[in-house]
């Protein structure tokens, strides 16, 4: 059952700890605080999912780039200097820019200067700087799961294990003290996690209420509800 909670916490209970907190630097009393990674077979499944999503959305971005306003794409954002049209044909910068854009129809022309190509769209990294700005798909709408995350300084970000820790010890005070939540925020985060479990349980039972997976989710729902109900009066 703990493995199931670990997987669900990695998928749905994603609260990151501050980058200044690292394993081994502090002592915690009841909670583990740092959430373990997904099991290897699930990481493989996540990688496959991300690859499929990246391929689909990469092609979508390439198709959407045909609707871009190329005149604005060749315009510098602050000075508004425009490098499109024949009037700039004698510019060495424009010649270089134009040559870099051959065969690179889906990315910002200025991003070509860094050696980026349409293939870089498929990696789903630095999308905001690669995509055409007048035919942009916000990154938040691309359903990728980042199973590893770093901050701007390259430090690893760790997921908070509050959902799994609460399942183990059932103490809201420990979540507040060790996992760096205040009591109210801890309860509502745990409640949201429980509601996710309940929603999954209902959906699985509708598919097949005798399936072992559906039964496991229902048992987890009951267990989590019992633990959450026990601390309701303390909030």
C-alpha atoms as a PDB file:
ATOM      1  CA  UNK A   1       0.000   0.000   0.000  1.00  0.00           C
ATOM      2  CA  UNK A   2       2.884   2.381   0.759  1.00  0.00           C
ATOM      3  CA  UNK A   3       4.239   1.863  -2.747  1.00  0.00           C
ATOM      4  CA  UNK A   4       0.884   2.915  -4.175  1.00  0.00           C
ATOM      5  CA  UNK A   5       0.887   6.057  -2.014  1.00  0.00           C
ATOM      6  CA  UNK A   6       4.478   6.767  -3.082  1.00  0.00           C
ATOM      7  CA  UNK A   7       3.463   6.632  -6.746  1.00  0.00           C
ATOM      8  CA  UNK A   8       0.383   8.797  -6.198  1.00  0.00           C
ATOM      9  CA  UNK A   9       2.383  11.313  -4.159  1.00  0.00           C
ATOM     10  CA  UNK A  10       4.897  11.637  -7.000  1.00  0.00           C
ATOM     11  CA  UNK A  11       2.078  12.169  -9.483  1.00  0.00           C
ATOM     12  CA  UNK A  12      -0.479  14.249  -7.572  1.00  0.00           C
ATOM     13  CA  UNK A  13       1.044  15.450  -4.288  1.00  0.00           C
ATOM     14  CA  UNK A  14       3.778  17.554  -5.830  1.00  0.00           C
ATOM     15  CA  UNK A  15       4.921  20.146  -3.310  1.00  0.00           C
ATOM     16  CA  UNK A  16       8.588  21.044  -3.640  1.00  0.00           C
ATOM     17  CA  UNK A  17      10.771  21.731  -0.637  1.00  0.00           C
ATOM     18  CA  UNK A  18      12.915  24.886  -0.639  1.00  0.00           C
ATOM     19  CA  UNK A  19      16.209  24.295  -2.501  1.00  0.00           C
ATOM     20  CA  UNK A  20      18.123  25.200   0.650  1.00  0.00           C
ATOM     21  CA  UNK A  21      16.917  21.975   2.318  1.00  0.00           C
ATOM     22  CA  UNK A  22      18.848  18.830   1.413  1.00  0.00           C
ATOM     23  CA  UNK A  23      18.831  15.281   2.822  1.00  0.00           C
ATOM     24  CA  UNK A  24      21.160  14.735   5.753  1.00  0.00           C
ATOM     25  CA  UNK A  25      21.350  18.371   6.801  1.00  0.00           C
ATOM     26  CA  UNK A  26      18.540  18.295   9.377  1.00  0.00           C
ATOM     27  CA  UNK A  27      16.994  15.838  11.816  1.00  0.00           C
ATOM     28  CA  UNK A  28      13.280  15.145  11.609  1.00  0.00           C
ATOM     29  CA  UNK A  29      11.260  13.490  14.350  1.00  0.00           C
ATOM     30  CA  UNK A  30       8.446  11.578  12.638  1.00  0.00           C
ATOM     31  CA  UNK A  31       8.402  12.410   8.945  1.00  0.00           C
ATOM     32  CA  UNK A  32      10.844  11.351   6.269  1.00  0.00           C
ATOM     33  CA  UNK A  33      10.180  14.716   4.539  1.00  0.00           C
ATOM     34  CA  UNK A  34      12.037  13.895   1.299  1.00  0.00           C
ATOM     35  CA  UNK A  35       9.896  11.877  -1.089  1.00  0.00           C
ATOM     36  CA  UNK A  36      11.584   8.887  -2.710  1.00  0.00           C
ATOM     37  CA  UNK A  37      11.715   8.633  -6.479  1.00  0.00           C
ATOM     38  CA  UNK A  38       9.225   6.607  -8.459  1.00  0.00           C
ATOM     39  CA  UNK A  39       9.994   2.895  -8.859  1.00  0.00           C
ATOM     40  CA  UNK A  40      12.173   2.141 -11.882  1.00  0.00           C
ATOM     41  CA  UNK A  41       9.358   0.615 -13.941  1.00  0.00           C
ATOM     42  CA  UNK A  42       7.224   3.719 -13.395  1.00  0.00           C
ATOM     43  CA  UNK A  43      10.111   6.004 -14.336  1.00  0.00           C
ATOM     44  CA  UNK A  44      10.377   4.078 -17.597  1.00  0.00           C
ATOM     45  CA  UNK A  45       6.639   4.583 -18.149  1.00  0.00           C
ATOM     46  CA  UNK A  46       6.952   8.311 -17.403  1.00  0.00           C
ATOM     47  CA  UNK A  47       9.828   8.642 -19.872  1.00  0.00           C
ATOM     48  CA  UNK A  48       7.755   6.932 -22.552  1.00  0.00           C
ATOM     49  CA  UNK A  49       4.791   9.201 -21.772  1.00  0.00           C
ATOM     50  CA  UNK A  50       6.965  12.325 -21.944  1.00  0.00           C
ATOM     51  CA  UNK A  51       8.466  11.197 -25.250  1.00  0.00           C
ATOM     52  CA  UNK A  52       5.033  10.664 -26.804  1.00  0.00           C
ATOM     53  CA  UNK A  53       3.747  14.009 -25.504  1.00  0.00           C
ATOM     54  CA  UNK A  54       6.886  15.791 -26.726  1.00  0.00           C
ATOM     55  CA  UNK A  55       6.485  14.268 -30.187  1.00  0.00           C
ATOM     56  CA  UNK A  56       2.810  15.233 -30.461  1.00  0.00           C
ATOM     57  CA  UNK A  57       3.246  18.771 -29.169  1.00  0.00           C
ATOM     58  CA  UNK A  58       6.451  19.264 -31.146  1.00  0.00           C
ATOM     59  CA  UNK A  59       4.534  18.520 -34.334  1.00  0.00           C
ATOM     60  CA  UNK A  60       1.714  20.763 -33.111  1.00  0.00           C
ATOM     61  CA  UNK A  61       4.154  23.635 -32.595  1.00  0.00           C
ATOM     62  CA  UNK A  62       5.622  23.086 -36.063  1.00  0.00           C
ATOM     63  CA  UNK A  63       2.140  23.199 -37.568  1.00  0.00           C
ATOM     64  CA  UNK A  64       1.160  26.261 -35.542  1.00  0.00           C
ATOM     65  CA  UNK A  65       4.305  28.121 -36.571  1.00  0.00           C
ATOM     66  CA  UNK A  66       2.844  28.440 -40.070  1.00  0.00           C
ATOM     67  CA  UNK A  67       0.379  30.940 -38.601  1.00  0.00           C
ATOM     68  CA  UNK A  68       3.124  33.096 -37.093  1.00  0.00           C
ATOM     69  CA  UNK A  69       3.543  36.731 -38.066  1.00  0.00           C
ATOM     70  CA  UNK A  70       7.032  36.531 -39.584  1.00  0.00           C
ATOM     71  CA  UNK A  71       7.429  40.302 -39.727  1.00  0.00           C
ATOM     72  CA  UNK A  72       7.078  40.494 -35.954  1.00  0.00           C
ATOM     73  CA  UNK A  73       9.229  37.406 -35.458  1.00  0.00           C
ATOM     74  CA  UNK A  74      12.146  39.212 -37.135  1.00  0.00           C
ATOM     75  CA  UNK A  75      11.682  42.256 -34.918  1.00  0.00           C
ATOM     76  CA  UNK A  76      13.888  42.847 -31.880  1.00  0.00           C
ATOM     77  CA  UNK A  77      11.664  43.052 -28.775  1.00  0.00           C
ATOM     78  CA  UNK A  78      13.053  46.220 -27.159  1.00  0.00           C
ATOM     79  CA  UNK A  79      14.339  48.369 -30.006  1.00  0.00           C
ATOM     80  CA  UNK A  80      11.696  47.120 -32.469  1.00  0.00           C
ATOM     81  CA  UNK A  81      14.377  47.053 -35.175  1.00  0.00           C
ATOM     82  CA  UNK A  82      13.054  44.860 -37.963  1.00  0.00           C
ATOM     83  CA  UNK A  83      15.332  42.512 -39.899  1.00  0.00           C
ATOM     84  CA  UNK A  84      12.803  41.328 -42.453  1.00  0.00           C
ATOM     85  CA  UNK A  85      12.383  42.520 -46.017  1.00  0.00           C
ATOM     86  CA  UNK A  86      14.773  43.403 -48.805  1.00  0.00           C
ATOM     87  CA  UNK A  87      15.916  46.654 -47.211  1.00  0.00           C
ATOM     88  CA  UNK A  88      18.112  44.645 -44.845  1.00  0.00           C
ATOM     89  CA  UNK A  89      19.497  42.300 -47.479  1.00  0.00           C
ATOM     90  CA  UNK A  90      22.990  43.836 -47.298  1.00  0.00           C
ATOM     91  CA  UNK A  91      23.253  43.338 -43.556  1.00  0.00           C
ATOM     92  CA  UNK A  92      25.723  40.666 -42.524  1.00  0.00           C
ATOM     93  CA  UNK A  93      23.607  39.859 -39.493  1.00  0.00           C
ATOM     94  CA  UNK A  94      20.522  39.381 -41.631  1.00  0.00           C
ATOM     95  CA  UNK A  95      22.423  37.176 -44.075  1.00  0.00           C
ATOM     96  CA  UNK A  96      23.573  35.013 -41.195  1.00  0.00           C
ATOM     97  CA  UNK A  97      20.127  35.002 -39.631  1.00  0.00           C
ATOM     98  CA  UNK A  98      18.426  34.030 -42.863  1.00  0.00           C
ATOM     99  CA  UNK A  99      20.898  31.239 -43.586  1.00  0.00           C
ATOM    100  CA  UNK A 100      20.404  29.859 -40.090  1.00  0.00           C
ATOM    101  CA  UNK A 101      16.660  29.675 -40.617  1.00  0.00           C
ATOM    102  CA  UNK A 102      16.767  27.394 -43.619  1.00  0.00           C
ATOM    103  CA  UNK A 103      15.050  24.159 -42.705  1.00  0.00           C
ATOM    104  CA  UNK A 104      14.126  25.580 -39.305  1.00  0.00           C
ATOM    105  CA  UNK A 105      10.553  26.645 -39.743  1.00  0.00           C
ATOM    106  CA  UNK A 106       9.165  26.060 -36.268  1.00  0.00           C
ATOM    107  CA  UNK A 107      11.448  28.070 -34.011  1.00  0.00           C
ATOM    108  CA  UNK A 108      12.136  31.715 -33.363  1.00  0.00           C
ATOM    109  CA  UNK A 109      14.592  33.030 -36.008  1.00  0.00           C
ATOM    110  CA  UNK A 110      16.805  34.560 -33.325  1.00  0.00           C
ATOM    111  CA  UNK A 111      16.992  31.184 -31.556  1.00  0.00           C
ATOM    112  CA  UNK A 112      18.587  29.817 -34.731  1.00  0.00           C
ATOM    113  CA  UNK A 113      21.703  31.846 -33.952  1.00  0.00           C
ATOM    114  CA  UNK A 114      22.406  29.516 -31.025  1.00  0.00           C
ATOM    115  CA  UNK A 115      22.355  26.485 -33.288  1.00  0.00           C
ATOM    116  CA  UNK A 116      18.837  25.385 -32.392  1.00  0.00           C
ATOM    117  CA  UNK A 117      16.790  23.432 -34.905  1.00  0.00           C
ATOM    118  CA  UNK A 118      13.242  22.146 -35.194  1.00  0.00           C
ATOM    119  CA  UNK A 119      14.444  18.933 -33.543  1.00  0.00           C
ATOM    120  CA  UNK A 120      15.086  20.877 -30.331  1.00  0.00           C
ATOM    121  CA  UNK A 121      11.341  21.398 -30.028  1.00  0.00           C
ATOM    122  CA  UNK A 122      10.956  17.658 -29.498  1.00  0.00           C
ATOM    123  CA  UNK A 123      13.062  17.799 -26.329  1.00  0.00           C
ATOM    124  CA  UNK A 124      10.495  20.140 -24.724  1.00  0.00           C
ATOM    125  CA  UNK A 125      13.289  22.138 -23.061  1.00  0.00           C
ATOM    126  CA  UNK A 126      13.520  25.950 -23.123  1.00  0.00           C
ATOM    127  CA  UNK A 127      10.361  26.046 -25.195  1.00  0.00           C
ATOM    128  CA  UNK A 128       9.494  29.628 -24.309  1.00  0.00           C
ATOM    129  CA  UNK A 129      12.698  30.873 -25.951  1.00  0.00           C
ATOM    130  CA  UNK A 130      12.440  28.580 -28.985  1.00  0.00           C
ATOM    131  CA  UNK A 131       8.830  28.933 -30.061  1.00  0.00           C
ATOM    132  CA  UNK A 132       7.539  31.588 -32.398  1.00  0.00           C
ATOM    133  CA  UNK A 133       6.293  34.350 -30.130  1.00  0.00           C
ATOM    134  CA  UNK A 134       3.255  35.106 -32.304  1.00  0.00           C
ATOM    135  CA  UNK A 135       2.174  31.442 -32.439  1.00  0.00           C
ATOM    136  CA  UNK A 136       2.976  30.363 -28.921  1.00  0.00           C
ATOM    137  CA  UNK A 137       1.647  27.407 -26.913  1.00  0.00           C
ATOM    138  CA  UNK A 138       2.075  28.068 -23.161  1.00  0.00           C
ATOM    139  CA  UNK A 139       4.276  25.415 -21.570  1.00  0.00           C
ATOM    140  CA  UNK A 140       1.765  24.967 -18.742  1.00  0.00           C
ATOM    141  CA  UNK A 141      -0.630  23.381 -21.247  1.00  0.00           C
ATOM    142  CA  UNK A 142       1.845  20.650 -22.222  1.00  0.00           C
ATOM    143  CA  UNK A 143       1.202  17.604 -19.961  1.00  0.00           C
ATOM    144  CA  UNK A 144       4.770  16.564 -19.209  1.00  0.00           C
ATOM    145  CA  UNK A 145       5.758  15.052 -15.863  1.00  0.00           C
ATOM    146  CA  UNK A 146       9.095  16.295 -14.566  1.00  0.00           C
ATOM    147  CA  UNK A 147      10.408  13.456 -12.405  1.00  0.00           C
ATOM    148  CA  UNK A 148      13.610  15.435 -11.858  1.00  0.00           C
ATOM    149  CA  UNK A 149      13.771  19.166 -11.261  1.00  0.00           C
ATOM    150  CA  UNK A 150      16.519  21.681 -10.550  1.00  0.00           C
ATOM    151  CA  UNK A 151      16.496  25.370  -9.729  1.00  0.00           C
ATOM    152  CA  UNK A 152      18.230  28.130 -11.682  1.00  0.00           C
ATOM    153  CA  UNK A 153      21.517  27.301  -9.954  1.00  0.00           C
ATOM    154  CA  UNK A 154      21.371  23.614 -10.842  1.00  0.00           C
ATOM    155  CA  UNK A 155      20.456  22.465  -7.343  1.00  0.00           C
ATOM    156  CA  UNK A 156      18.161  19.456  -7.182  1.00  0.00           C
ATOM    157  CA  UNK A 157      14.637  20.159  -5.975  1.00  0.00           C
ATOM    158  CA  UNK A 158      13.119  17.528  -3.696  1.00  0.00           C
ATOM    159  CA  UNK A 159       9.439  16.715  -3.440  1.00  0.00           C
ATOM    160  CA  UNK A 160       7.829  17.003  -0.031  1.00  0.00           C
ATOM    161  CA  UNK A 161       6.789  13.579   1.274  1.00  0.00           C
ATOM    162  CA  UNK A 162       3.886  14.997   3.296  1.00  0.00           C
ATOM    163  CA  UNK A 163       1.247  12.727   1.708  1.00  0.00           C
ATOM    164  CA  UNK A 164       3.234   9.544   2.308  1.00  0.00           C
ATOM    165  CA  UNK A 165       4.433  10.663   5.747  1.00  0.00           C
ATOM    166  CA  UNK A 166       0.862  11.320   6.870  1.00  0.00           C
ATOM    167  CA  UNK A 167      -0.188   7.900   5.596  1.00  0.00           C
ATOM    168  CA  UNK A 168       2.528   6.359   7.773  1.00  0.00           C
ATOM    169  CA  UNK A 169       2.083   8.243  11.052  1.00  0.00           C
ATOM    170  CA  UNK A 170      -1.247  10.103  10.743  1.00  0.00           C
ATOM    171  CA  UNK A 171       0.038  13.109  12.680  1.00  0.00           C
ATOM    172  CA  UNK A 172      -0.894  16.572  11.469  1.00  0.00           C
ATOM    173  CA  UNK A 173       1.476  18.124  14.004  1.00  0.00           C
ATOM    174  CA  UNK A 174       4.383  16.177  12.519  1.00  0.00           C
ATOM    175  CA  UNK A 175       3.452  17.354   9.021  1.00  0.00           C
ATOM    176  CA  UNK A 176       3.405  20.936  10.271  1.00  0.00           C
ATOM    177  CA  UNK A 177       6.692  20.649  12.154  1.00  0.00           C
ATOM    178  CA  UNK A 178       8.804  18.376   9.967  1.00  0.00           C
ATOM    179  CA  UNK A 179       7.340  18.963   6.504  1.00  0.00           C
ATOM    180  CA  UNK A 180       7.216  22.764   6.823  1.00  0.00           C
ATOM    181  CA  UNK A 181       3.456  23.269   6.531  1.00  0.00           C
ATOM    182  CA  UNK A 182       1.212  25.279   8.783  1.00  0.00           C
ATOM    183  CA  UNK A 183      -1.650  23.204  10.163  1.00  0.00           C
ATOM    184  CA  UNK A 184      -4.335  24.678   7.928  1.00  0.00           C
ATOM    185  CA  UNK A 185      -2.331  24.352   4.709  1.00  0.00           C
ATOM    186  CA  UNK A 186      -1.292  20.830   5.680  1.00  0.00           C
ATOM    187  CA  UNK A 187      -4.876  19.722   6.204  1.00  0.00           C
ATOM    188  CA  UNK A 188      -6.147  21.170   2.935  1.00  0.00           C
ATOM    189  CA  UNK A 189      -3.230  19.690   0.986  1.00  0.00           C
ATOM    190  CA  UNK A 190      -3.920  16.292   2.536  1.00  0.00           C
ATOM    191  CA  UNK A 191      -7.625  16.668   1.841  1.00  0.00           C
ATOM    192  CA  UNK A 192      -6.917  17.435  -1.818  1.00  0.00           C
ATOM    193  CA  UNK A 193      -4.703  14.364  -2.011  1.00  0.00           C
ATOM    194  CA  UNK A 194      -7.444  12.244  -0.450  1.00  0.00           C
ATOM    195  CA  UNK A 195     -10.023  13.589  -2.907  1.00  0.00           C
ATOM    196  CA  UNK A 196      -7.727  12.591  -5.764  1.00  0.00           C
ATOM    197  CA  UNK A 197      -7.562   9.056  -4.376  1.00  0.00           C
ATOM    198  CA  UNK A 198     -11.351   9.003  -3.975  1.00  0.00           C
ATOM    199  CA  UNK A 199     -11.874  10.193  -7.548  1.00  0.00           C
ATOM    200  CA  UNK A 200      -9.550   7.517  -8.909  1.00  0.00           C
ATOM    201  CA  UNK A 201     -11.256   4.878  -6.787  1.00  0.00           C
ATOM    202  CA  UNK A 202     -14.716   5.791  -8.083  1.00  0.00           C
ATOM    203  CA  UNK A 203     -13.522   5.773 -11.690  1.00  0.00           C
ATOM    204  CA  UNK A 204     -11.850   2.380 -11.324  1.00  0.00           C
ATOM    205  CA  UNK A 205     -14.915   0.866  -9.646  1.00  0.00           C
ATOM    206  CA  UNK A 206     -17.066   2.051 -12.530  1.00  0.00           C
ATOM    207  CA  UNK A 207     -14.779   0.177 -14.912  1.00  0.00           C
ATOM    208  CA  UNK A 208     -14.632  -3.032 -12.876  1.00  0.00           C
ATOM    209  CA  UNK A 209     -15.435  -3.098  -9.181  1.00  0.00           C
ATOM    210  CA  UNK A 210     -13.887  -6.562  -8.683  1.00  0.00           C
ATOM    211  CA  UNK A 211     -10.529  -5.717 -10.236  1.00  0.00           C
ATOM    212  CA  UNK A 212      -7.618  -5.985  -7.736  1.00  0.00           C
ATOM    213  CA  UNK A 213      -6.418  -2.482  -8.618  1.00  0.00           C
ATOM    214  CA  UNK A 214      -9.879  -1.033  -7.993  1.00  0.00           C
ATOM    215  CA  UNK A 215     -10.073  -2.885  -4.680  1.00  0.00           C
ATOM    216  CA  UNK A 216      -6.627  -1.584  -3.687  1.00  0.00           C
ATOM    217  CA  UNK A 217      -7.650   2.003  -4.411  1.00  0.00           C
ATOM    218  CA  UNK A 218     -10.863   1.581  -2.441  1.00  0.00           C
ATOM    219  CA  UNK A 219      -8.940   0.207   0.538  1.00  0.00           C
ATOM    220  CA  UNK A 220      -6.490   3.094   0.296  1.00  0.00           C
ATOM    221  CA  UNK A 221      -9.374   5.558   0.124  1.00  0.00           C
ATOM    222  CA  UNK A 222     -10.917   4.143   3.293  1.00  0.00           C
ATOM    223  CA  UNK A 223      -7.592   4.120   5.141  1.00  0.00           C
ATOM    224  CA  UNK A 224      -6.699   7.667   4.154  1.00  0.00           C
ATOM    225  CA  UNK A 225     -10.187   8.901   4.992  1.00  0.00           C
ATOM    226  CA  UNK A 226      -9.951   7.353   8.449  1.00  0.00           C
ATOM    227  CA  UNK A 227      -6.608   9.018   9.150  1.00  0.00           C
ATOM    228  CA  UNK A 228      -7.795  12.365   7.813  1.00  0.00           C
ATOM    229  CA  UNK A 229     -11.055  12.221   9.752  1.00  0.00           C
ATOM    230  CA  UNK A 230      -9.102  11.571  12.959  1.00  0.00           C
ATOM    231  CA  UNK A 231      -7.321  14.936  12.704  1.00  0.00           C
ATOM    232  CA  UNK A 232     -10.332  16.934  11.478  1.00  0.00           C
ATOM    233  CA  UNK A 233     -11.098  18.334  14.933  1.00  0.00           C
ATOM    234  CA  UNK A 234      -7.515  19.523  15.447  1.00  0.00           C
ATOM    235  CA  UNK A 235      -7.498  21.964  12.533  1.00  0.00           C
END
